[in-house]
Each structure stands twice: as C-alpha cells, then as structure tokens.
C-alpha atoms as a PDB file:
ATOM      1  CA  MET A   1       0.000   0.000   0.000  1.00  0.00           C
ATOM      2  CA  LYS A   2       1.457   3.341  -1.069  1.00  0.00           C
ATOM      3  CA  GLU A   3       1.895   6.130   1.407  1.00  0.00           C
ATOM      4  CA  GLN A   4      -0.184   9.206   0.774  1.00  0.00           C
ATOM      5  CA  ALA A   5       1.779  12.183  -0.540  1.00  0.00           C
ATOM      6  CA  SER A   6       2.336  14.962   1.960  1.00  0.00           C
ATOM      7  CA  THR A   7      -0.096  17.857   1.702  1.00  0.00           C
ATOM      8  CA  ARG A   8       2.249  20.299   3.367  1.00  0.00           C
ATOM      9  CA  GLY A   9       3.601  23.350   1.586  1.00  0.00           C
ATOM     10  CA  ARG A  10       2.245  25.184  -1.409  1.00  0.00           C
ATOM     11  CA  ARG A  11       0.451  23.186  -4.016  1.00  0.00           C
ATOM     12  CA  PRO A  12       2.017  22.848  -7.456  1.00  0.00           C
ATOM     13  CA  GLY A  13       0.495  24.330 -10.598  1.00  0.00           C
ATOM     14  CA  ALA A  14      -2.718  22.736 -11.795  1.00  0.00           C
ATOM     15  CA  PRO A  15      -5.063  23.384 -14.707  1.00  0.00           C
ATOM     16  CA  ASP A  16      -7.086  25.857 -12.627  1.00  0.00           C
ATOM     17  CA  THR A  17      -4.051  27.567 -11.087  1.00  0.00           C
ATOM     18  CA  ARG A  18      -3.947  30.319 -13.697  1.00  0.00           C
ATOM     19  CA  ALA A  19      -7.612  31.169 -13.082  1.00  0.00           C
ATOM     20  CA  GLU A  20      -7.079  31.199  -9.316  1.00  0.00           C
ATOM     21  CA  ILE A  21      -4.099  33.530  -9.653  1.00  0.00           C
ATOM     22  CA  LEU A  22      -6.180  35.859 -11.825  1.00  0.00           C
ATOM     23  CA  ALA A  23      -9.053  35.807  -9.325  1.00  0.00           C
ATOM     24  CA  SER A  24      -6.655  36.651  -6.509  1.00  0.00           C
ATOM     25  CA  ALA A  25      -5.065  39.423  -8.582  1.00  0.00           C
ATOM     26  CA  ARG A  26      -8.424  40.989  -9.508  1.00  0.00           C
ATOM     27  CA  SER A  27      -9.546  40.970  -5.898  1.00  0.00           C
ATOM     28  CA  LEU A  28      -6.312  42.478  -4.588  1.00  0.00           C
ATOM     29  CA  PHE A  29      -5.934  45.086  -7.337  1.00  0.00           C
ATOM     30  CA  ALA A  30      -9.523  46.198  -6.686  1.00  0.00           C
ATOM     31  CA  ALA A  31      -9.065  46.314  -2.902  1.00  0.00           C
ATOM     32  CA  ARG A  32      -5.511  47.680  -2.641  1.00  0.00           C
ATOM     33  CA  GLY A  33      -4.885  49.326  -6.012  1.00  0.00           C
ATOM     34  CA  PHE A  34      -1.877  48.661  -8.218  1.00  0.00           C
ATOM     35  CA  PRO A  35       0.828  50.065  -5.918  1.00  0.00           C
ATOM     36  CA  GLY A  36      -0.540  48.245  -2.857  1.00  0.00           C
ATOM     37  CA  THR A  37      -0.652  44.830  -4.520  1.00  0.00           C
ATOM     38  CA  SER A  38       2.418  42.617  -4.621  1.00  0.00           C
ATOM     39  CA  VAL A  39       3.058  39.437  -6.588  1.00  0.00           C
ATOM     40  CA  ARG A  40       3.706  37.720  -3.257  1.00  0.00           C
ATOM     41  CA  ALA A  41       0.256  38.754  -1.965  1.00  0.00           C
ATOM     42  CA  VAL A  42      -1.418  37.568  -5.170  1.00  0.00           C
ATOM     43  CA  ALA A  43       0.379  34.233  -4.844  1.00  0.00           C
ATOM     44  CA  ALA A  44      -0.655  33.894  -1.192  1.00  0.00           C
ATOM     45  CA  GLY A  45      -4.275  34.620  -2.124  1.00  0.00           C
ATOM     46  CA  ALA A  46      -4.163  31.878  -4.761  1.00  0.00           C
ATOM     47  CA  GLY A  47      -2.280  29.454  -2.508  1.00  0.00           C
ATOM     48  CA  VAL A  48       0.693  29.139  -4.852  1.00  0.00           C
ATOM     49  CA  ASP A  49       4.358  30.021  -4.871  1.00  0.00           C
ATOM     50  CA  PRO A  50       5.180  33.508  -6.267  1.00  0.00           C
ATOM     51  CA  ALA A  51       7.331  31.792  -8.916  1.00  0.00           C
ATOM     52  CA  LEU A  52       4.145  30.350 -10.431  1.00  0.00           C
ATOM     53  CA  VAL A  53       2.676  33.845 -10.782  1.00  0.00           C
ATOM     54  CA  HIS A  54       5.789  34.874 -12.718  1.00  0.00           C
ATOM     55  CA  HIS A  55       5.641  31.644 -14.731  1.00  0.00           C
ATOM     56  CA  TYR A  56       2.085  32.267 -15.895  1.00  0.00           C
ATOM     57  CA  PHE A  57       2.116  36.052 -16.212  1.00  0.00           C
ATOM     58  CA  GLY A  58       5.672  37.393 -16.230  1.00  0.00           C
ATOM     59  CA  THR A  59       5.814  40.779 -14.536  1.00  0.00           C
ATOM     60  CA  LYS A  60       3.369  42.472 -12.182  1.00  0.00           C
ATOM     61  CA  ASP A  61       2.510  44.836 -15.062  1.00  0.00           C
ATOM     62  CA  ASP A  62       1.594  41.876 -17.289  1.00  0.00           C
ATOM     63  CA  LEU A  63      -0.450  40.343 -14.466  1.00  0.00           C
ATOM     64  CA  PHE A  64      -2.350  43.619 -14.087  1.00  0.00           C
ATOM     65  CA  VAL A  65      -3.175  43.749 -17.804  1.00  0.00           C
ATOM     66  CA  ALA A  66      -4.334  40.116 -17.691  1.00  0.00           C
ATOM     67  CA  ALA A  67      -6.485  40.840 -14.626  1.00  0.00           C
ATOM     68  CA  LEU A  68      -8.261  43.622 -16.512  1.00  0.00           C
ATOM     69  CA  GLU A  69      -9.388  40.993 -19.050  1.00  0.00           C
ATOM     70  CA  LEU A  70      -8.848  43.307 -21.996  1.00  0.00           C
ATOM     71  CA  PRO A  71      -9.689  41.680 -25.320  1.00  0.00           C
ATOM     72  CA  VAL A  72      -6.367  42.969 -26.662  1.00  0.00           C
ATOM     73  CA  ASP A  73      -3.181  44.159 -25.015  1.00  0.00           C
ATOM     74  CA  PRO A  74      -2.993  47.903 -25.804  1.00  0.00           C
ATOM     75  CA  ARG A  75       0.793  47.761 -25.600  1.00  0.00           C
ATOM     76  CA  GLU A  76       0.878  45.282 -28.476  1.00  0.00           C
ATOM     77  CA  ARG A  77      -1.724  47.101 -30.584  1.00  0.00           C
ATOM     78  CA  LEU A  78       0.125  50.409 -30.214  1.00  0.00           C
ATOM     79  CA  ALA A  79       3.533  48.968 -31.116  1.00  0.00           C
ATOM     80  CA  GLY A  80       3.050  49.969 -34.759  1.00  0.00           C
ATOM     81  CA  VAL A  81       2.154  53.522 -33.738  1.00  0.00           C
ATOM     82  CA  ILE A  82       5.339  53.751 -31.695  1.00  0.00           C
ATOM     83  CA  ALA A  83       7.492  52.252 -34.446  1.00  0.00           C
ATOM     84  CA  LEU A  84       6.581  55.073 -36.841  1.00  0.00           C
ATOM     85  CA  GLY A  85       7.627  57.764 -34.372  1.00  0.00           C
ATOM     86  CA  PRO A  86       5.930  60.852 -32.975  1.00  0.00           C
ATOM     87  CA  ASP A  87       4.945  62.582 -36.237  1.00  0.00           C
ATOM     88  CA  GLY A  88       1.291  61.779 -36.921  1.00  0.00           C
ATOM     89  CA  ALA A  89       1.092  59.523 -33.862  1.00  0.00           C
ATOM     90  CA  GLY A  90      -2.077  61.188 -32.552  1.00  0.00           C
ATOM     91  CA  GLU A  91      -4.137  60.140 -35.576  1.00  0.00           C
ATOM     92  CA  ARG A  92      -2.535  56.693 -35.833  1.00  0.00           C
ATOM     93  CA  MET A  93      -3.152  56.029 -32.154  1.00  0.00           C
ATOM     94  CA  LEU A  94      -6.769  57.101 -32.473  1.00  0.00           C
ATOM     95  CA  ARG A  95      -7.322  54.832 -35.498  1.00  0.00           C
ATOM     96  CA  VAL A  96      -6.017  51.839 -33.546  1.00  0.00           C
ATOM     97  CA  PHE A  97      -8.118  52.793 -30.542  1.00  0.00           C
ATOM     98  CA  LEU A  98     -11.312  53.166 -32.593  1.00  0.00           C
ATOM     99  CA  SER A  99     -10.692  49.949 -34.538  1.00  0.00           C
ATOM    100  CA  VAL A 100     -10.764  48.066 -31.231  1.00  0.00           C
ATOM    101  CA  TRP A 101     -13.608  49.954 -29.551  1.00  0.00           C
ATOM    102  CA  ASP A 102     -15.846  49.967 -32.638  1.00  0.00           C
ATOM    103  CA  ASP A 103     -15.481  46.197 -33.108  1.00  0.00           C
ATOM    104  CA  PRO A 104     -18.948  44.776 -32.258  1.00  0.00           C
ATOM    105  CA  GLU A 105     -17.357  41.563 -30.974  1.00  0.00           C
ATOM    106  CA  VAL A 106     -15.386  43.284 -28.220  1.00  0.00           C
ATOM    107  CA  GLN A 107     -17.272  46.537 -27.620  1.00  0.00           C
ATOM    108  CA  PRO A 108     -19.781  45.210 -25.027  1.00  0.00           C
ATOM    109  CA  GLY A 109     -16.992  43.848 -22.840  1.00  0.00           C
ATOM    110  CA  LEU A 110     -14.976  47.037 -23.149  1.00  0.00           C
ATOM    111  CA  VAL A 111     -17.970  49.207 -22.260  1.00  0.00           C
ATOM    112  CA  ALA A 112     -18.674  47.059 -19.190  1.00  0.00           C
ATOM    113  CA  LEU A 113     -15.014  47.335 -18.198  1.00  0.00           C
ATOM    114  CA  ALA A 114     -15.042  51.121 -18.732  1.00  0.00           C
ATOM    115  CA  ARG A 115     -18.119  51.481 -16.543  1.00  0.00           C
ATOM    116  CA  SER A 116     -16.521  49.484 -13.745  1.00  0.00           C
ATOM    117  CA  LEU A 117     -13.157  51.262 -14.000  1.00  0.00           C
ATOM    118  CA  VAL A 118     -14.634  54.752 -13.717  1.00  0.00           C
ATOM    119  CA  SER A 119     -16.756  53.823 -10.711  1.00  0.00           C
ATOM    120  CA  ASP A 120     -15.682  55.158  -7.334  1.00  0.00           C
ATOM    121  CA  ASP A 121     -14.454  51.747  -6.192  1.00  0.00           C
ATOM    122  CA  SER A 122     -12.171  51.182  -9.184  1.00  0.00           C
ATOM    123  CA  ALA A 123     -11.034  54.701 -10.056  1.00  0.00           C
ATOM    124  CA  SER A 124      -7.669  54.083  -8.402  1.00  0.00           C
ATOM    125  CA  LEU A 125      -7.021  51.207 -10.838  1.00  0.00           C
ATOM    126  CA  VAL A 126      -7.198  53.669 -13.727  1.00  0.00           C
ATOM    127  CA  ARG A 127      -5.184  56.351 -11.943  1.00  0.00           C
ATOM    128  CA  ASP A 128      -2.565  54.195 -10.242  1.00  0.00           C
ATOM    129  CA  GLY A 129      -2.511  51.157 -12.525  1.00  0.00           C
ATOM    130  CA  PHE A 130      -3.828  51.472 -16.051  1.00  0.00           C
ATOM    131  CA  ILE A 131      -2.407  54.920 -16.839  1.00  0.00           C
ATOM    132  CA  PRO A 132       1.132  54.423 -15.451  1.00  0.00           C
ATOM    133  CA  VAL A 133       1.436  50.717 -16.361  1.00  0.00           C
ATOM    134  CA  VAL A 134      -0.310  50.422 -19.718  1.00  0.00           C
ATOM    135  CA  VAL A 135      -0.665  53.895 -21.221  1.00  0.00           C
ATOM    136  CA  GLY A 136       2.222  55.844 -19.713  1.00  0.00           C
ATOM    137  CA  PRO A 137       5.165  53.784 -20.982  1.00  0.00           C
ATOM    138  CA  VAL A 138       3.679  53.642 -24.489  1.00  0.00           C
ATOM    139  CA  LEU A 139       3.045  57.363 -24.682  1.00  0.00           C
ATOM    140  CA  ALA A 140       6.316  58.339 -23.039  1.00  0.00           C
ATOM    141  CA  SER A 141       8.199  57.063 -26.074  1.00  0.00           C
ATOM    142  CA  LEU A 142       6.217  59.463 -28.291  1.00  0.00           C
ATOM    143  CA  VAL A 143       6.503  62.676 -26.300  1.00  0.00           C
ATOM    144  CA  ARG A 144       9.407  65.013 -26.785  1.00  0.00           C
ATOM    145  CA  ASP A 145       9.394  66.431 -23.260  1.00  0.00           C
ATOM    146  CA  ARG A 146       7.334  66.821 -20.075  1.00  0.00           C
ATOM    147  CA  PRO A 147       5.791  63.311 -20.044  1.00  0.00           C
ATOM    148  CA  GLU A 148       4.387  64.035 -16.577  1.00  0.00           C
ATOM    149  CA  VAL A 149       2.130  66.662 -18.220  1.00  0.00           C
ATOM    150  CA  ARG A 150       1.628  65.202 -21.696  1.00  0.00           C
ATOM    151  CA  VAL A 151       0.663  61.636 -20.743  1.00  0.00           C
ATOM    152  CA  PRO A 152      -2.201  62.703 -18.434  1.00  0.00           C
ATOM    153  CA  LEU A 153      -3.448  65.137 -21.102  1.00  0.00           C
ATOM    154  CA  VAL A 154      -3.609  62.362 -23.708  1.00  0.00           C
ATOM    155  CA  ALA A 155      -5.209  60.018 -21.175  1.00  0.00           C
ATOM    156  CA  SER A 156      -7.843  62.633 -20.303  1.00  0.00           C
ATOM    157  CA  GLN A 157      -8.770  62.986 -23.970  1.00  0.00           C
ATOM    158  CA  ILE A 158      -9.030  59.212 -24.475  1.00  0.00           C
ATOM    159  CA  ILE A 159     -11.027  58.672 -21.266  1.00  0.00           C
ATOM    160  CA  GLY A 160     -13.357  61.512 -22.249  1.00  0.00           C
ATOM    161  CA  LEU A 161     -13.805  59.963 -25.684  1.00  0.00           C
ATOM    162  CA  VAL A 162     -14.618  56.555 -24.158  1.00  0.00           C
ATOM    163  CA  VAL A 163     -17.218  58.062 -21.846  1.00  0.00           C
ATOM    164  CA  ALA A 164     -18.807  60.274 -24.515  1.00  0.00           C
ATOM    165  CA  ARG A 165     -18.825  57.810 -27.421  1.00  0.00           C
ATOM    166  CA  TYR A 166     -19.299  54.441 -25.731  1.00  0.00           C
ATOM    167  CA  VAL A 167     -20.534  54.780 -22.142  1.00  0.00           C
ATOM    168  CA  VAL A 168     -22.939  57.743 -22.393  1.00  0.00           C
ATOM    169  CA  ALA A 169     -23.412  57.438 -26.206  1.00  0.00           C
ATOM    170  CA  LEU A 170     -23.533  61.223 -26.511  1.00  0.00           C
ATOM    171  CA  PRO A 171     -24.970  62.393 -29.862  1.00  0.00           C
ATOM    172  CA  PRO A 172     -23.485  62.998 -32.333  1.00  0.00           C
ATOM    173  CA  MET A 173     -20.212  61.554 -30.972  1.00  0.00           C
ATOM    174  CA  ALA A 174     -21.656  58.043 -30.621  1.00  0.00           C
ATOM    175  CA  ALA A 175     -22.646  57.772 -34.292  1.00  0.00           C
ATOM    176  CA  MET A 176     -19.782  59.760 -35.804  1.00  0.00           C
ATOM    177  CA  PRO A 177     -17.777  57.802 -38.395  1.00  0.00           C
ATOM    178  CA  ALA A 178     -14.359  56.790 -37.116  1.00  0.00           C
ATOM    179  CA  GLU A 179     -12.497  58.884 -39.670  1.00  0.00           C
ATOM    180  CA  ASP A 180     -14.430  61.989 -38.584  1.00  0.00           C
ATOM    181  CA  VAL A 181     -13.415  61.307 -34.983  1.00  0.00           C
ATOM    182  CA  VAL A 182      -9.802  60.900 -36.112  1.00  0.00           C
ATOM    183  CA  ALA A 183      -9.942  64.162 -38.102  1.00  0.00           C
ATOM    184  CA  ARG A 184     -11.462  66.113 -35.206  1.00  0.00           C
ATOM    185  CA  VAL A 185      -9.748  64.606 -32.152  1.00  0.00           C
ATOM    186  CA  GLY A 186      -6.448  63.412 -33.642  1.00  0.00           C
ATOM    187  CA  PRO A 187      -4.909  66.909 -33.905  1.00  0.00           C
ATOM    188  CA  THR A 188      -5.654  67.513 -30.224  1.00  0.00           C
ATOM    189  CA  LEU A 189      -3.900  64.272 -29.280  1.00  0.00           C
ATOM    190  CA  GLN A 190      -0.973  65.246 -31.492  1.00  0.00           C
ATOM    191  CA  ARG A 191      -0.702  68.633 -29.805  1.00  0.00           C
ATOM    192  CA  TYR A 192      -0.697  66.938 -26.406  1.00  0.00           C
ATOM    193  CA  LEU A 193       2.034  64.565 -27.600  1.00  0.00           C
ATOM    194  CA  THR A 194       4.375  66.933 -29.420  1.00  0.00           C
ATOM    195  CA  GLY A 195       2.937  70.446 -29.645  1.00  0.00           C
ATOM    196  CA  ASP A 196       3.740  73.532 -27.648  1.00  0.00           C
ATOM    197  CA  LEU A 197       2.181  73.508 -24.196  1.00  0.00           C
ATOM    198  CA  PRO A 198       1.702  76.490 -21.929  1.00  0.00           C
END
C-alpha cells in the first residue's frame, strides 16, 4: 500500500491555477490598487508560490493587464504607432483605438469594463494602474518632453472619448464615423504629444 503524498507546503500548478491567480489578482488590485498589490500577496491569495505567478504572467505589469481581461493588449496594438515615431502619432493612435472599440465583438466587454473602472471603487485602478502601467510607458516614447504633463493630457482625452462615445453614447459623438473622430480629435492628441504647451 502506497503512502499518501504529503499535503504540506504550497500546491504545485494545476489546470485551474492560472484562473485562481487571476481571481486573486483581480480581488487584490480592486481592494488595494496597483501600488498596494504585490506578486507575493497575489500568490498567497491563490495558494501558490510567487514563482508560479511569474511563470504564468511574467511581470506584475503583465499580471495587471491580464487581470483587466482586456480583449487585446494595448501595448501590443500600439507597437506599430510607436514604431513610426511621434509625427502623426495622434491620428494613428486614435485609429487603432477606434478599430478596437468599434469592433462589435469586443465593444460590449470594453464598455462594461469602462463602466466598472470609472466607478468610485475602481477609479484608483485607472489612476494608479492602467495609466502608469499600460498607457504611460507607451506614450512616453512618443513625447518630446514633459511626459508628466503630456501623458495625463492624452489620457484625459481618451477617457473623455470613451465616456462620450461608448458609455454615455452622446450624440453625435456616438454615431460619428471613425475617420471623422480621427480628423477632429487626432490633432488635439498630437498637440498633447508633441505640440507647444503652456
């Protein structure tokens, strides 16, 4: 008769381990915000070793993006915008953004996410997590100076666009063709990225 394996210590990875890590991460990011959440705490919440968190998700930044359950990783989608440099980046960025948000397959999930992220309980995730982790590093490579001013200006324009076009469905913004949005909002984004600021 075989002896039963010891149940002491942390359990190894299992098929549901990834989901349990994500559940722990979502709960902790929501409760403590991005800065107050550590990989070690996420691992403890999931009952796994911190090395497994890194195995499945890489960095804390990557874990945060995964926990948001975005249909696409904005960092990957914006790589082409970055590769072409700062000139014209405002319009290119907006085209990529609209191509994702206007996709009927992913729009309902994004709108639900936007509603939850701008609620009082989750606002810190946008301020302390999404902007500095996802948006900030991407935009910082496009700005010529003063990223501490330019990045929040671009973010404010994008957040305003999300709320007006997708959450509130403000006429005529909600029904405006994507290229009209690009023509009207793109120059403002470009000015925030590279133009003269007071």
